[in-house]
Amino acid sequence: MQKFFCIVLLALSAGTLAAQNSPDSSLPYKRFPTVPPFKLLETDSASFFTKADLKKNKAVLLMLFSPTCEHCQHETEELLKNMDEFKKIQIVMATTMPFVQMKEFYAKYELEKYKNIKVGQDIQYMLPSFYLVRNLPYLAMYDKDGKLLSTFEGTMKMEDLIKVFK
């Protein structure tokens, strides 16, 4: 009887452990594969840019970055060099870093020139936990209906990023 009880207990434990290791059940962005309800403090320090402000029927590239991250700087430079490929895509750049650093980054890359780019500070630290970010830049790509296409951590080649949206 004890052997039977031990076998049942082991089987139940194994099932519980397997369920906890399922990647889809633990990743919020996979459980909710649409653009998350973000709220970013804009560079004017007075207004917020939210999911509701996104234009309908347009693809979205959500980029989590740090203004001091060299990989993020490089990704931004490459994105701007290839802006013709991204002019129909809404680009939202979000950071949790200090506001002053974000403003310097915004000015350095003259991001105000691009109507399809919004930059803001995630003051609620919502996005890093939603995506479980480990490396920056972090890219989340959504189709025109707001459905998740793909995510990527680190520097992504522009030709690969362009392919995701085609």
C-alpha atoms as a PDB file:
ATOM      1  CA  MET A   1       0.000   0.000   0.000  1.00  0.00           C
ATOM      2  CA  GLN A   2       2.869   2.364   0.822  1.00  0.00           C
ATOM      3  CA  LYS A   3       4.467   1.662  -2.573  1.00  0.00           C
ATOM      4  CA  PHE A   4       1.206   2.522  -4.311  1.00  0.00           C
ATOM      5  CA  PHE A   5       0.881   5.743  -2.300  1.00  0.00           C
ATOM      6  CA  CYS A   6       4.488   6.746  -3.119  1.00  0.00           C
ATOM      7  CA  ILE A   7       3.956   6.077  -6.842  1.00  0.00           C
ATOM      8  CA  VAL A   8       0.777   8.183  -6.896  1.00  0.00           C
ATOM      9  CA  LEU A   9       2.521  10.982  -4.988  1.00  0.00           C
ATOM     10  CA  LEU A  10       5.481  10.938  -7.408  1.00  0.00           C
ATOM     11  CA  ALA A  11       3.174  11.002 -10.436  1.00  0.00           C
ATOM     12  CA  LEU A  12       1.234  13.973  -9.073  1.00  0.00           C
ATOM     13  CA  SER A  13       4.460  15.830  -8.237  1.00  0.00           C
ATOM     14  CA  ALA A  14       5.855  15.242 -11.721  1.00  0.00           C
ATOM     15  CA  GLY A  15       2.653  16.547 -13.301  1.00  0.00           C
ATOM     16  CA  THR A  16       2.744  19.665 -11.155  1.00  0.00           C
ATOM     17  CA  LEU A  17       6.395  20.331 -12.001  1.00  0.00           C
ATOM     18  CA  ALA A  18       5.756  19.849 -15.714  1.00  0.00           C
ATOM     19  CA  ALA A  19       2.874  22.311 -15.612  1.00  0.00           C
ATOM     20  CA  GLN A  20       5.076  24.916 -13.920  1.00  0.00           C
ATOM     21  CA  ASN A  21       7.733  24.597 -16.616  1.00  0.00           C
ATOM     22  CA  SER A  22       5.329  25.297 -19.464  1.00  0.00           C
ATOM     23  CA  PRO A  23       6.663  28.486 -21.132  1.00  0.00           C
ATOM     24  CA  ASP A  24       3.280  29.696 -22.372  1.00  0.00           C
ATOM     25  CA  SER A  25       1.611  29.597 -18.968  1.00  0.00           C
ATOM     26  CA  SER A  26       4.244  31.754 -17.286  1.00  0.00           C
ATOM     27  CA  LEU A  27       4.854  34.452 -19.913  1.00  0.00           C
ATOM     28  CA  PRO A  28       2.299  37.263 -19.755  1.00  0.00           C
ATOM     29  CA  TYR A  29       2.908  38.387 -23.333  1.00  0.00           C
ATOM     30  CA  LYS A  30       2.124  34.867 -24.570  1.00  0.00           C
ATOM     31  CA  ARG A  31      -1.028  34.571 -22.464  1.00  0.00           C
ATOM     32  CA  PHE A  32      -2.140  38.006 -23.715  1.00  0.00           C
ATOM     33  CA  PRO A  33      -0.682  38.225 -27.255  1.00  0.00           C
ATOM     34  CA  THR A  34      -1.877  41.746 -28.026  1.00  0.00           C
ATOM     35  CA  VAL A  35      -0.303  45.156 -27.464  1.00  0.00           C
ATOM     36  CA  PRO A  36      -0.178  45.607 -23.679  1.00  0.00           C
ATOM     37  CA  PRO A  37      -1.951  48.531 -21.966  1.00  0.00           C
ATOM     38  CA  PHE A  38       1.148  50.714 -21.560  1.00  0.00           C
ATOM     39  CA  LYS A  39       1.292  54.290 -20.289  1.00  0.00           C
ATOM     40  CA  LEU A  40       4.413  56.263 -21.171  1.00  0.00           C
ATOM     41  CA  LEU A  41       5.376  59.714 -19.946  1.00  0.00           C
ATOM     42  CA  GLU A  42       6.206  61.660 -23.096  1.00  0.00           C
ATOM     43  CA  THR A  43       9.263  63.841 -23.612  1.00  0.00           C
ATOM     44  CA  ASP A  44       7.263  66.999 -22.811  1.00  0.00           C
ATOM     45  CA  SER A  45       7.006  65.628 -19.215  1.00  0.00           C
ATOM     46  CA  ALA A  46       3.320  66.582 -19.073  1.00  0.00           C
ATOM     47  CA  SER A  47       1.425  64.162 -21.309  1.00  0.00           C
ATOM     48  CA  PHE A  48       1.145  60.419 -21.619  1.00  0.00           C
ATOM     49  CA  PHE A  49       1.141  58.143 -24.648  1.00  0.00           C
ATOM     50  CA  THR A  50      -0.961  55.005 -24.189  1.00  0.00           C
ATOM     51  CA  LYS A  51      -2.133  52.002 -26.148  1.00  0.00           C
ATOM     52  CA  ALA A  52      -5.347  53.920 -26.909  1.00  0.00           C
ATOM     53  CA  ASP A  53      -3.270  56.542 -28.766  1.00  0.00           C
ATOM     54  CA  LEU A  54      -1.982  54.020 -31.306  1.00  0.00           C
ATOM     55  CA  LYS A  55      -3.395  54.434 -34.790  1.00  0.00           C
ATOM     56  CA  LYS A  56      -5.812  51.714 -35.829  1.00  0.00           C
ATOM     57  CA  ASN A  57      -4.872  49.280 -38.598  1.00  0.00           C
ATOM     58  CA  LYS A  58      -1.142  50.004 -38.352  1.00  0.00           C
ATOM     59  CA  ALA A  59       1.582  47.592 -37.289  1.00  0.00           C
ATOM     60  CA  VAL A  60       3.503  48.379 -34.097  1.00  0.00           C
ATOM     61  CA  LEU A  61       7.136  47.945 -33.152  1.00  0.00           C
ATOM     62  CA  LEU A  62       7.549  48.266 -29.395  1.00  0.00           C
ATOM     63  CA  MET A  63      11.193  48.737 -28.404  1.00  0.00           C
ATOM     64  CA  LEU A  64      12.285  48.670 -24.786  1.00  0.00           C
ATOM     65  CA  PHE A  65      15.626  50.405 -24.450  1.00  0.00           C
ATOM     66  CA  SER A  66      18.087  52.095 -22.155  1.00  0.00           C
ATOM     67  CA  PRO A  67      19.576  55.405 -23.331  1.00  0.00           C
ATOM     68  CA  THR A  68      23.022  54.332 -22.077  1.00  0.00           C
ATOM     69  CA  CYS A  69      22.941  50.862 -23.691  1.00  0.00           C
ATOM     70  CA  GLU A  70      25.327  50.657 -26.662  1.00  0.00           C
ATOM     71  CA  HIS A  71      23.244  47.921 -28.293  1.00  0.00           C
ATOM     72  CA  CYS A  72      20.136  50.101 -27.985  1.00  0.00           C
ATOM     73  CA  GLN A  73      21.985  53.027 -29.520  1.00  0.00           C
ATOM     74  CA  HIS A  74      23.182  50.861 -32.402  1.00  0.00           C
ATOM     75  CA  GLU A  75      19.683  49.436 -32.975  1.00  0.00           C
ATOM     76  CA  THR A  76      18.257  52.966 -33.040  1.00  0.00           C
ATOM     77  CA  GLU A  77      20.897  54.109 -35.541  1.00  0.00           C
ATOM     78  CA  GLU A  78      20.142  51.148 -37.806  1.00  0.00           C
ATOM     79  CA  LEU A  79      16.407  51.723 -37.498  1.00  0.00           C
ATOM     80  CA  LEU A  80      16.816  55.360 -38.535  1.00  0.00           C
ATOM     81  CA  LYS A  81      19.044  54.405 -41.490  1.00  0.00           C
ATOM     82  CA  ASN A  82      16.277  52.092 -42.684  1.00  0.00           C
ATOM     83  CA  MET A  83      13.346  54.376 -41.877  1.00  0.00           C
ATOM     84  CA  ASP A  84      11.936  54.094 -45.406  1.00  0.00           C
ATOM     85  CA  GLU A  85      11.135  50.456 -44.609  1.00  0.00           C
ATOM     86  CA  PHE A  86       9.423  51.423 -41.342  1.00  0.00           C
ATOM     87  CA  LYS A  87       7.441  54.537 -42.278  1.00  0.00           C
ATOM     88  CA  LYS A  88       4.123  52.601 -42.212  1.00  0.00           C
ATOM     89  CA  ILE A  89       4.908  51.097 -38.804  1.00  0.00           C
ATOM     90  CA  GLN A  90       4.246  52.819 -35.492  1.00  0.00           C
ATOM     91  CA  ILE A  91       7.422  52.697 -33.427  1.00  0.00           C
ATOM     92  CA  VAL A  92       7.060  53.043 -29.668  1.00  0.00           C
ATOM     93  CA  MET A  93      10.309  53.337 -27.737  1.00  0.00           C
ATOM     94  CA  ALA A  94       9.964  52.842 -23.998  1.00  0.00           C
ATOM     95  CA  THR A  95      12.491  53.108 -21.198  1.00  0.00           C
ATOM     96  CA  THR A  96      12.428  52.856 -17.420  1.00  0.00           C
ATOM     97  CA  MET A  97      15.623  54.865 -17.098  1.00  0.00           C
ATOM     98  CA  PRO A  98      15.700  58.433 -15.707  1.00  0.00           C
ATOM     99  CA  PHE A  99      13.727  61.048 -17.635  1.00  0.00           C
ATOM    100  CA  VAL A 100      16.801  63.227 -18.250  1.00  0.00           C
ATOM    101  CA  GLN A 101      18.624  60.352 -19.962  1.00  0.00           C
ATOM    102  CA  MET A 102      15.596  59.624 -22.120  1.00  0.00           C
ATOM    103  CA  LYS A 103      15.405  63.290 -23.191  1.00  0.00           C
ATOM    104  CA  GLU A 104      19.114  63.306 -24.094  1.00  0.00           C
ATOM    105  CA  PHE A 105      18.652  60.152 -26.178  1.00  0.00           C
ATOM    106  CA  TYR A 106      15.615  61.699 -27.884  1.00  0.00           C
ATOM    107  CA  ALA A 107      17.602  64.845 -28.734  1.00  0.00           C
ATOM    108  CA  LYS A 108      20.771  62.992 -29.802  1.00  0.00           C
ATOM    109  CA  TYR A 109      18.920  60.960 -32.420  1.00  0.00           C
ATOM    110  CA  GLU A 110      16.573  63.830 -33.346  1.00  0.00           C
ATOM    111  CA  LEU A 111      13.596  61.521 -32.935  1.00  0.00           C
ATOM    112  CA  GLU A 112      11.166  64.434 -33.054  1.00  0.00           C
ATOM    113  CA  LYS A 113      11.703  64.411 -36.843  1.00  0.00           C
ATOM    114  CA  TYR A 114       9.877  61.108 -37.199  1.00  0.00           C
ATOM    115  CA  LYS A 115       6.094  61.232 -36.985  1.00  0.00           C
ATOM    116  CA  ASN A 116       5.818  57.460 -36.566  1.00  0.00           C
ATOM    117  CA  ILE A 117       8.150  57.308 -33.525  1.00  0.00           C
ATOM    118  CA  LYS A 118       6.973  57.908 -29.965  1.00  0.00           C
ATOM    119  CA  VAL A 119       9.420  57.878 -27.071  1.00  0.00           C
ATOM    120  CA  GLY A 120       8.384  57.683 -23.456  1.00  0.00           C
ATOM    121  CA  GLN A 121       9.277  56.685 -19.938  1.00  0.00           C
ATOM    122  CA  ASP A 122       7.519  53.649 -18.489  1.00  0.00           C
ATOM    123  CA  ILE A 123       7.131  55.152 -15.015  1.00  0.00           C
ATOM    124  CA  GLN A 124       5.041  52.205 -13.822  1.00  0.00           C
ATOM    125  CA  TYR A 125       7.715  49.641 -14.873  1.00  0.00           C
ATOM    126  CA  MET A 126       4.942  47.646 -16.536  1.00  0.00           C
ATOM    127  CA  LEU A 127       6.623  46.577 -19.769  1.00  0.00           C
ATOM    128  CA  PRO A 128       9.759  44.847 -18.396  1.00  0.00           C
ATOM    129  CA  SER A 129       7.626  42.576 -16.219  1.00  0.00           C
ATOM    130  CA  PHE A 130       5.056  41.976 -18.988  1.00  0.00           C
ATOM    131  CA  TYR A 131       7.781  40.744 -21.358  1.00  0.00           C
ATOM    132  CA  LEU A 132      10.122  39.353 -18.668  1.00  0.00           C
ATOM    133  CA  VAL A 133      12.967  41.345 -20.219  1.00  0.00           C
ATOM    134  CA  ARG A 134      16.495  40.107 -19.575  1.00  0.00           C
ATOM    135  CA  ASN A 135      18.406  41.903 -22.349  1.00  0.00           C
ATOM    136  CA  LEU A 136      18.078  45.213 -24.147  1.00  0.00           C
ATOM    137  CA  PRO A 137      17.048  46.286 -26.634  1.00  0.00           C
ATOM    138  CA  TYR A 138      13.866  44.251 -26.462  1.00  0.00           C
ATOM    139  CA  LEU A 139      11.653  44.265 -29.538  1.00  0.00           C
ATOM    140  CA  ALA A 140       7.995  43.244 -29.672  1.00  0.00           C
ATOM    141  CA  MET A 141       6.375  43.276 -33.097  1.00  0.00           C
ATOM    142  CA  TYR A 142       2.608  43.454 -33.644  1.00  0.00           C
ATOM    143  CA  ASP A 143       0.541  43.277 -36.817  1.00  0.00           C
ATOM    144  CA  LYS A 144      -2.034  45.871 -37.894  1.00  0.00           C
ATOM    145  CA  ASP A 145      -4.662  44.152 -35.716  1.00  0.00           C
ATOM    146  CA  GLY A 146      -2.474  44.419 -32.616  1.00  0.00           C
ATOM    147  CA  LYS A 147      -1.627  40.708 -32.533  1.00  0.00           C
ATOM    148  CA  LEU A 148       1.862  39.620 -31.515  1.00  0.00           C
ATOM    149  CA  LEU A 149       4.049  38.576 -34.433  1.00  0.00           C
ATOM    150  CA  SER A 150       7.338  38.029 -32.634  1.00  0.00           C
ATOM    151  CA  THR A 151       9.673  39.211 -29.877  1.00  0.00           C
ATOM    152  CA  PHE A 152      13.440  39.527 -29.813  1.00  0.00           C
ATOM    153  CA  GLU A 153      16.013  40.339 -27.145  1.00  0.00           C
ATOM    154  CA  GLY A 154      19.240  42.034 -28.196  1.00  0.00           C
ATOM    155  CA  THR A 155      20.326  43.606 -31.454  1.00  0.00           C
ATOM    156  CA  MET A 156      18.251  42.348 -34.373  1.00  0.00           C
ATOM    157  CA  LYS A 157      19.419  42.657 -37.952  1.00  0.00           C
ATOM    158  CA  MET A 158      17.273  45.140 -39.840  1.00  0.00           C
ATOM    159  CA  GLU A 159      16.630  42.771 -42.723  1.00  0.00           C
ATOM    160  CA  ASP A 160      15.241  40.226 -40.238  1.00  0.00           C
ATOM    161  CA  LEU A 161      13.113  42.878 -38.545  1.00  0.00           C
ATOM    162  CA  ILE A 162      11.761  44.040 -41.907  1.00  0.00           C
ATOM    163  CA  LYS A 163      10.848  40.440 -42.816  1.00  0.00           C
ATOM    164  CA  VAL A 164       8.704  40.111 -39.683  1.00  0.00           C
ATOM    165  CA  PHE A 165       6.470  42.948 -40.857  1.00  0.00           C
ATOM    166  CA  LYS A 166       6.144  41.757 -44.481  1.00  0.00           C
END
